[in-house]
Structures are given as C-alpha cells and as structure tokens.
C-alpha cells in the first residue's frame, strides 16, 4: 500500500510543477537578418512556476520557439542562452522579441508575451 500512496503523491507534485498554464492565439513573426522569415497566427502556451516562466509557441507551418525566463532573469531560447531582442519593426506592431544568438540575427516575436 505504501508504494501506491508514494506514487500517487509523486504524481501530484509533478503535475503541480507547471500547473499555471494557459494557451492563447497570437500573431507571431520570425526575423532572420532583419527580414521576415515566417509570420502568421500561432498558439502560445505560457506556463509559470516558482522558478521560471516558459513560453512555447508554434506557427501553423510548424516553426516555433521555446523561451524560458528564470526568476533570476536568465533567458533561454530553444535551450540556448538568449535575451529579449530590440526590434523597431516588431515593436511598432506590438510584438515582443527574443533571440538566442548574441548578435540577434534570428528573432522570435509574438504579441502578448
């Protein structure tokens, strides 16, 4: 009986790790070297726990990104060190952008991050 109870308790904790998740339909744009490489409607999945906020989005054509923002401010973009990226074209459309590479040649942007 104890192993069953232990397994039940563990499953409760693993589900609670990212219990606060929401999906929303947004507008997403991928910029490469300053030019639009892909754009369109996308689904953004936003999850929050005590340690991080995780954003996952996918364009209808399959391209997407995962952005993890730690409570310490550390940003990972597709599991690589990244940062919020400045993009005047995207900002004018109300988009927030993130990039994985230091020179920000590829930027992943979405409304309502």
N, C-alpha and C. Protein backbone atom coordinates (compact mmCIF):
# COMPACT_ATOMS: atom_id res chain seq x y z
N UNK A 1 0.81 -1.20 0.00
CA UNK A 1 0.00 0.00 0.00
C UNK A 1 0.86 1.27 0.00
N UNK A 2 1.99 1.24 0.72
CA UNK A 2 2.84 2.42 0.77
C UNK A 2 3.39 2.81 -0.59
N UNK A 3 3.85 1.87 -1.44
CA UNK A 3 4.34 2.27 -2.77
C UNK A 3 3.27 2.95 -3.61
N UNK A 4 2.03 2.51 -3.50
CA UNK A 4 0.93 3.12 -4.27
C UNK A 4 0.70 4.54 -3.79
N UNK A 5 0.69 4.74 -2.47
CA UNK A 5 0.50 6.08 -1.91
C UNK A 5 1.65 7.00 -2.32
N UNK A 6 2.87 6.49 -2.26
CA UNK A 6 4.04 7.28 -2.66
C UNK A 6 3.94 7.69 -4.13
N UNK A 7 3.58 6.76 -4.99
CA UNK A 7 3.44 7.06 -6.43
C UNK A 7 2.35 8.10 -6.66
N UNK A 8 1.26 8.00 -5.92
CA UNK A 8 0.18 8.98 -6.06
C UNK A 8 0.65 10.37 -5.63
N UNK A 9 1.39 10.45 -4.54
CA UNK A 9 1.90 11.74 -4.08
C UNK A 9 2.89 12.33 -5.07
N UNK A 10 3.78 11.52 -5.61
CA UNK A 10 4.76 12.00 -6.59
C UNK A 10 4.05 12.54 -7.83
N UNK A 11 3.02 11.85 -8.29
CA UNK A 11 2.31 12.33 -9.48
C UNK A 11 1.63 13.66 -9.21
N UNK A 12 1.15 13.88 -8.01
CA UNK A 12 0.54 15.17 -7.67
C UNK A 12 1.57 16.29 -7.76
N UNK A 13 2.77 16.05 -7.25
CA UNK A 13 3.80 17.08 -7.30
C UNK A 13 4.28 17.34 -8.71
N UNK A 14 4.40 16.32 -9.53
CA UNK A 14 4.88 16.53 -10.90
C UNK A 14 3.85 17.29 -11.73
N UNK A 15 2.58 17.07 -11.50
CA UNK A 15 1.54 17.81 -12.21
C UNK A 15 1.54 19.26 -11.76
N UNK A 16 1.79 19.50 -10.49
CA UNK A 16 1.76 20.86 -9.96
C UNK A 16 2.96 21.70 -10.39
N UNK A 17 3.99 21.07 -10.93
CA UNK A 17 5.19 21.82 -11.30
C UNK A 17 4.89 22.94 -12.28
N UNK A 18 4.04 22.71 -13.24
CA UNK A 18 3.63 23.74 -14.19
C UNK A 18 2.11 23.79 -14.25
N UNK A 19 1.48 23.92 -13.10
CA UNK A 19 0.02 23.89 -13.05
C UNK A 19 -0.60 25.14 -13.66
N UNK A 20 0.09 26.26 -13.63
CA UNK A 20 -0.48 27.51 -14.13
C UNK A 20 -0.11 27.72 -15.59
N UNK A 21 -0.81 27.04 -16.49
CA UNK A 21 -0.54 27.16 -17.93
C UNK A 21 -1.78 27.67 -18.65
N UNK A 22 -1.55 28.49 -19.66
CA UNK A 22 -2.64 28.98 -20.49
C UNK A 22 -2.21 28.95 -21.96
N UNK A 23 -3.17 28.72 -22.83
CA UNK A 23 -2.95 28.78 -24.28
C UNK A 23 -3.70 29.98 -24.82
N UNK A 24 -3.10 30.65 -25.80
CA UNK A 24 -3.79 31.76 -26.45
C UNK A 24 -3.36 31.85 -27.90
N UNK A 25 -4.22 32.41 -28.72
CA UNK A 25 -3.92 32.61 -30.14
C UNK A 25 -3.30 33.99 -30.29
N UNK A 26 -2.14 34.06 -30.94
CA UNK A 26 -1.40 35.30 -31.08
C UNK A 26 -0.92 35.46 -32.52
N UNK A 27 -0.28 36.59 -32.78
CA UNK A 27 0.40 36.84 -34.05
C UNK A 27 1.89 36.67 -33.80
N UNK A 28 2.56 35.86 -34.61
CA UNK A 28 3.98 35.59 -34.43
C UNK A 28 4.76 35.89 -35.70
N UNK A 29 6.00 36.36 -35.51
CA UNK A 29 6.88 36.67 -36.64
C UNK A 29 8.28 36.17 -36.28
N UNK A 30 8.94 35.54 -37.24
CA UNK A 30 10.35 35.17 -37.10
C UNK A 30 11.14 36.05 -38.06
N UNK A 31 12.11 36.77 -37.51
CA UNK A 31 13.00 37.61 -38.32
C UNK A 31 14.36 36.93 -38.44
N UNK A 32 14.93 36.92 -39.63
CA UNK A 32 16.30 36.45 -39.84
C UNK A 32 17.05 37.55 -40.56
N UNK A 33 18.14 37.99 -39.95
CA UNK A 33 18.96 39.08 -40.52
C UNK A 33 18.12 40.31 -40.85
N UNK A 34 17.14 40.61 -40.01
CA UNK A 34 16.31 41.80 -40.18
C UNK A 34 15.13 41.65 -41.12
N UNK A 35 15.02 40.51 -41.79
CA UNK A 35 13.92 40.28 -42.72
C UNK A 35 12.93 39.26 -42.16
N UNK A 36 11.67 39.39 -42.53
CA UNK A 36 10.65 38.45 -42.08
C UNK A 36 10.90 37.10 -42.75
N UNK A 37 11.12 36.07 -41.94
CA UNK A 37 11.35 34.72 -42.46
C UNK A 37 10.08 33.88 -42.39
N UNK A 38 9.22 34.18 -41.43
CA UNK A 38 7.95 33.47 -41.27
C UNK A 38 7.03 34.33 -40.42
N UNK A 39 5.74 34.26 -40.70
CA UNK A 39 4.78 35.02 -39.89
C UNK A 39 3.41 34.40 -40.01
N UNK A 40 2.56 34.73 -39.04
CA UNK A 40 1.19 34.26 -39.09
C UNK A 40 0.64 34.03 -37.70
N UNK A 41 -0.58 33.50 -37.67
CA UNK A 41 -1.20 33.17 -36.40
C UNK A 41 -0.47 32.02 -35.74
N UNK A 42 -0.44 32.03 -34.43
CA UNK A 42 0.24 30.96 -33.70
C UNK A 42 -0.45 30.75 -32.36
N UNK A 43 -0.19 29.60 -31.79
CA UNK A 43 -0.67 29.29 -30.46
C UNK A 43 0.48 29.47 -29.49
N UNK A 44 0.26 30.27 -28.45
CA UNK A 44 1.29 30.49 -27.43
C UNK A 44 0.83 29.79 -26.15
N UNK A 45 1.68 28.90 -25.64
CA UNK A 45 1.44 28.22 -24.38
C UNK A 45 2.35 28.88 -23.35
N UNK A 46 1.76 29.43 -22.30
CA UNK A 46 2.51 30.15 -21.27
C UNK A 46 2.33 29.41 -19.95
N UNK A 47 3.43 28.97 -19.36
CA UNK A 47 3.40 28.26 -18.08
C UNK A 47 4.27 29.00 -17.07
N UNK A 48 3.85 28.96 -15.82
CA UNK A 48 4.56 29.65 -14.75
C UNK A 48 4.70 28.71 -13.57
N UNK A 49 5.89 28.69 -12.99
CA UNK A 49 6.07 28.02 -11.71
C UNK A 49 6.93 28.92 -10.83
N UNK A 50 7.37 28.42 -9.69
CA UNK A 50 8.13 29.26 -8.77
C UNK A 50 9.49 29.65 -9.33
N UNK A 51 10.03 28.87 -10.24
CA UNK A 51 11.39 29.10 -10.74
C UNK A 51 11.47 29.80 -12.09
N UNK A 52 10.43 29.67 -12.92
CA UNK A 52 10.55 30.18 -14.28
C UNK A 52 9.18 30.39 -14.93
N UNK A 53 9.22 31.16 -16.00
CA UNK A 53 8.09 31.32 -16.89
C UNK A 53 8.53 30.70 -18.21
N UNK A 54 7.71 29.82 -18.77
CA UNK A 54 8.05 29.15 -20.02
C UNK A 54 7.00 29.50 -21.07
N UNK A 55 7.47 29.99 -22.21
CA UNK A 55 6.60 30.34 -23.33
C UNK A 55 6.95 29.42 -24.49
N UNK A 56 5.94 28.76 -25.02
CA UNK A 56 6.15 27.91 -26.20
C UNK A 56 5.14 28.34 -27.24
N UNK A 57 5.63 28.60 -28.43
CA UNK A 57 4.68 28.92 -29.48
C UNK A 57 5.07 28.24 -30.77
N UNK A 58 4.04 28.05 -31.58
CA UNK A 58 4.23 27.33 -32.83
C UNK A 58 3.36 27.97 -33.90
N UNK A 59 3.99 28.32 -35.02
CA UNK A 59 3.25 28.81 -36.17
C UNK A 59 2.52 27.64 -36.82
N UNK A 60 1.50 27.95 -37.59
CA UNK A 60 0.74 26.91 -38.26
C UNK A 60 1.60 26.08 -39.21
N UNK A 61 2.70 26.65 -39.72
CA UNK A 61 3.59 25.90 -40.62
C UNK A 61 4.59 25.03 -39.85
N UNK A 62 4.50 25.02 -38.53
CA UNK A 62 5.35 24.15 -37.72
C UNK A 62 6.55 24.81 -37.07
N UNK A 63 6.94 26.00 -37.52
CA UNK A 63 8.09 26.67 -36.90
C UNK A 63 7.66 27.20 -35.54
N UNK A 64 8.58 27.17 -34.60
CA UNK A 64 8.24 27.65 -33.27
C UNK A 64 9.45 27.90 -32.41
N UNK A 65 9.19 28.18 -31.15
CA UNK A 65 10.25 28.54 -30.22
C UNK A 65 9.81 28.23 -28.80
N UNK A 66 10.79 27.98 -27.94
CA UNK A 66 10.56 27.88 -26.51
C UNK A 66 11.45 28.92 -25.83
N UNK A 67 10.84 29.77 -25.03
CA UNK A 67 11.57 30.79 -24.28
C UNK A 67 11.35 30.52 -22.80
N UNK A 68 12.43 30.36 -22.06
CA UNK A 68 12.35 30.16 -20.62
C UNK A 68 13.00 31.34 -19.93
N UNK A 69 12.24 31.98 -19.04
CA UNK A 69 12.74 33.14 -18.31
C UNK A 69 12.80 32.76 -16.84
N UNK A 70 14.01 32.61 -16.31
CA UNK A 70 14.18 32.22 -14.92
C UNK A 70 13.90 33.38 -13.98
N UNK A 71 13.62 33.05 -12.73
CA UNK A 71 13.33 34.12 -11.76
C UNK A 71 14.55 35.01 -11.54
N UNK A 72 15.73 34.51 -11.90
CA UNK A 72 16.96 35.30 -11.79
C UNK A 72 17.18 36.17 -13.03
N UNK A 73 16.24 36.12 -13.99
CA UNK A 73 16.35 36.93 -15.20
C UNK A 73 17.06 36.25 -16.35
N UNK A 74 17.63 35.07 -16.10
CA UNK A 74 18.32 34.32 -17.16
C UNK A 74 17.30 33.87 -18.21
N UNK A 75 17.63 34.07 -19.48
CA UNK A 75 16.74 33.71 -20.58
C UNK A 75 17.37 32.61 -21.42
N UNK A 76 16.59 31.59 -21.72
CA UNK A 76 17.00 30.54 -22.65
C UNK A 76 16.02 30.56 -23.82
N UNK A 77 16.56 30.53 -25.03
CA UNK A 77 15.74 30.49 -26.24
C UNK A 77 16.10 29.19 -26.95
N UNK A 78 15.13 28.30 -27.06
CA UNK A 78 15.38 26.96 -27.62
C UNK A 78 16.58 26.30 -26.94
N UNK A 79 16.60 26.42 -25.61
CA UNK A 79 17.62 25.81 -24.74
C UNK A 79 19.02 26.41 -24.90
N UNK A 80 19.13 27.55 -25.57
CA UNK A 80 20.42 28.24 -25.72
C UNK A 80 20.34 29.57 -24.97
N UNK A 81 21.46 30.08 -24.44
CA UNK A 81 21.44 31.39 -23.78
C UNK A 81 20.87 32.44 -24.73
N UNK A 82 19.97 33.26 -24.22
CA UNK A 82 19.34 34.26 -25.07
C UNK A 82 19.01 35.52 -24.29
N UNK A 83 18.22 36.37 -24.94
CA UNK A 83 17.84 37.65 -24.33
C UNK A 83 16.63 38.20 -25.07
N UNK A 84 16.00 39.17 -24.43
CA UNK A 84 14.97 39.94 -25.10
C UNK A 84 15.66 40.74 -26.20
N UNK A 85 15.06 40.81 -27.37
CA UNK A 85 15.70 41.47 -28.50
C UNK A 85 14.95 42.74 -28.88
N UNK A 86 15.69 43.77 -29.19
CA UNK A 86 15.11 45.03 -29.63
C UNK A 86 14.89 44.98 -31.14
N UNK A 87 13.66 45.28 -31.57
CA UNK A 87 13.33 45.27 -32.99
C UNK A 87 12.27 46.34 -33.22
N UNK A 88 12.63 47.43 -33.86
CA UNK A 88 11.70 48.56 -34.02
C UNK A 88 10.50 48.19 -34.88
N UNK A 89 10.69 47.38 -35.91
CA UNK A 89 9.55 46.95 -36.73
C UNK A 89 8.56 46.15 -35.91
N UNK A 90 9.07 45.20 -35.13
CA UNK A 90 8.21 44.36 -34.31
C UNK A 90 7.53 45.18 -33.21
N UNK A 91 8.27 46.08 -32.59
CA UNK A 91 7.70 46.91 -31.52
C UNK A 91 6.55 47.75 -32.05
N UNK A 92 6.68 48.24 -33.28
CA UNK A 92 5.61 49.03 -33.89
C UNK A 92 4.34 48.24 -34.11
N UNK A 93 4.46 46.90 -34.17
CA UNK A 93 3.30 46.03 -34.33
C UNK A 93 2.84 45.45 -33.00
N UNK A 94 3.46 45.89 -31.90
CA UNK A 94 3.08 45.38 -30.58
C UNK A 94 3.65 44.00 -30.27
N UNK A 95 4.76 43.65 -30.91
CA UNK A 95 5.38 42.35 -30.70
C UNK A 95 6.54 42.45 -29.72
N UNK A 96 6.76 41.40 -28.96
CA UNK A 96 7.92 41.27 -28.10
C UNK A 96 8.80 40.19 -28.70
N UNK A 97 10.11 40.44 -28.76
CA UNK A 97 11.03 39.52 -29.44
C UNK A 97 12.09 38.97 -28.49
N UNK A 98 12.49 37.73 -28.76
CA UNK A 98 13.60 37.09 -28.06
C UNK A 98 14.53 36.49 -29.10
N UNK A 99 15.81 36.40 -28.77
CA UNK A 99 16.81 35.83 -29.67
C UNK A 99 17.78 34.97 -28.89
N UNK A 100 18.28 33.92 -29.54
CA UNK A 100 19.21 33.01 -28.87
C UNK A 100 20.66 33.39 -29.09
N UNK A 101 20.98 33.95 -30.23
CA UNK A 101 22.38 34.24 -30.51
C UNK A 101 22.74 35.66 -30.07
N UNK A 102 23.99 35.86 -29.77
CA UNK A 102 24.44 37.13 -29.21
C UNK A 102 24.20 38.30 -30.16
N UNK A 103 24.33 38.08 -31.45
CA UNK A 103 24.13 39.20 -32.38
C UNK A 103 22.68 39.31 -32.86
N UNK A 104 21.82 38.46 -32.36
CA UNK A 104 20.37 38.54 -32.58
C UNK A 104 19.98 38.50 -34.07
N UNK A 105 20.66 37.68 -34.85
CA UNK A 105 20.31 37.56 -36.27
C UNK A 105 18.96 36.89 -36.47
N UNK A 106 18.60 35.96 -35.57
CA UNK A 106 17.29 35.31 -35.65
C UNK A 106 16.48 35.70 -34.43
N UNK A 107 15.34 36.36 -34.67
CA UNK A 107 14.49 36.83 -33.59
C UNK A 107 13.12 36.18 -33.69
N UNK A 108 12.60 35.77 -32.54
CA UNK A 108 11.29 35.16 -32.44
C UNK A 108 10.38 36.16 -31.72
N UNK A 109 9.33 36.59 -32.39
CA UNK A 109 8.49 37.67 -31.86
C UNK A 109 7.03 37.23 -31.79
N UNK A 110 6.33 37.72 -30.79
CA UNK A 110 4.91 37.41 -30.63
C UNK A 110 4.21 38.54 -29.90
N UNK A 111 2.92 38.66 -30.15
CA UNK A 111 2.10 39.56 -29.35
C UNK A 111 1.86 38.90 -28.00
N UNK A 112 1.58 39.70 -27.02
CA UNK A 112 1.11 39.24 -25.71
C UNK A 112 2.01 38.24 -25.00
N UNK A 113 3.32 38.42 -25.06
CA UNK A 113 4.22 37.62 -24.23
C UNK A 113 3.95 38.05 -22.81
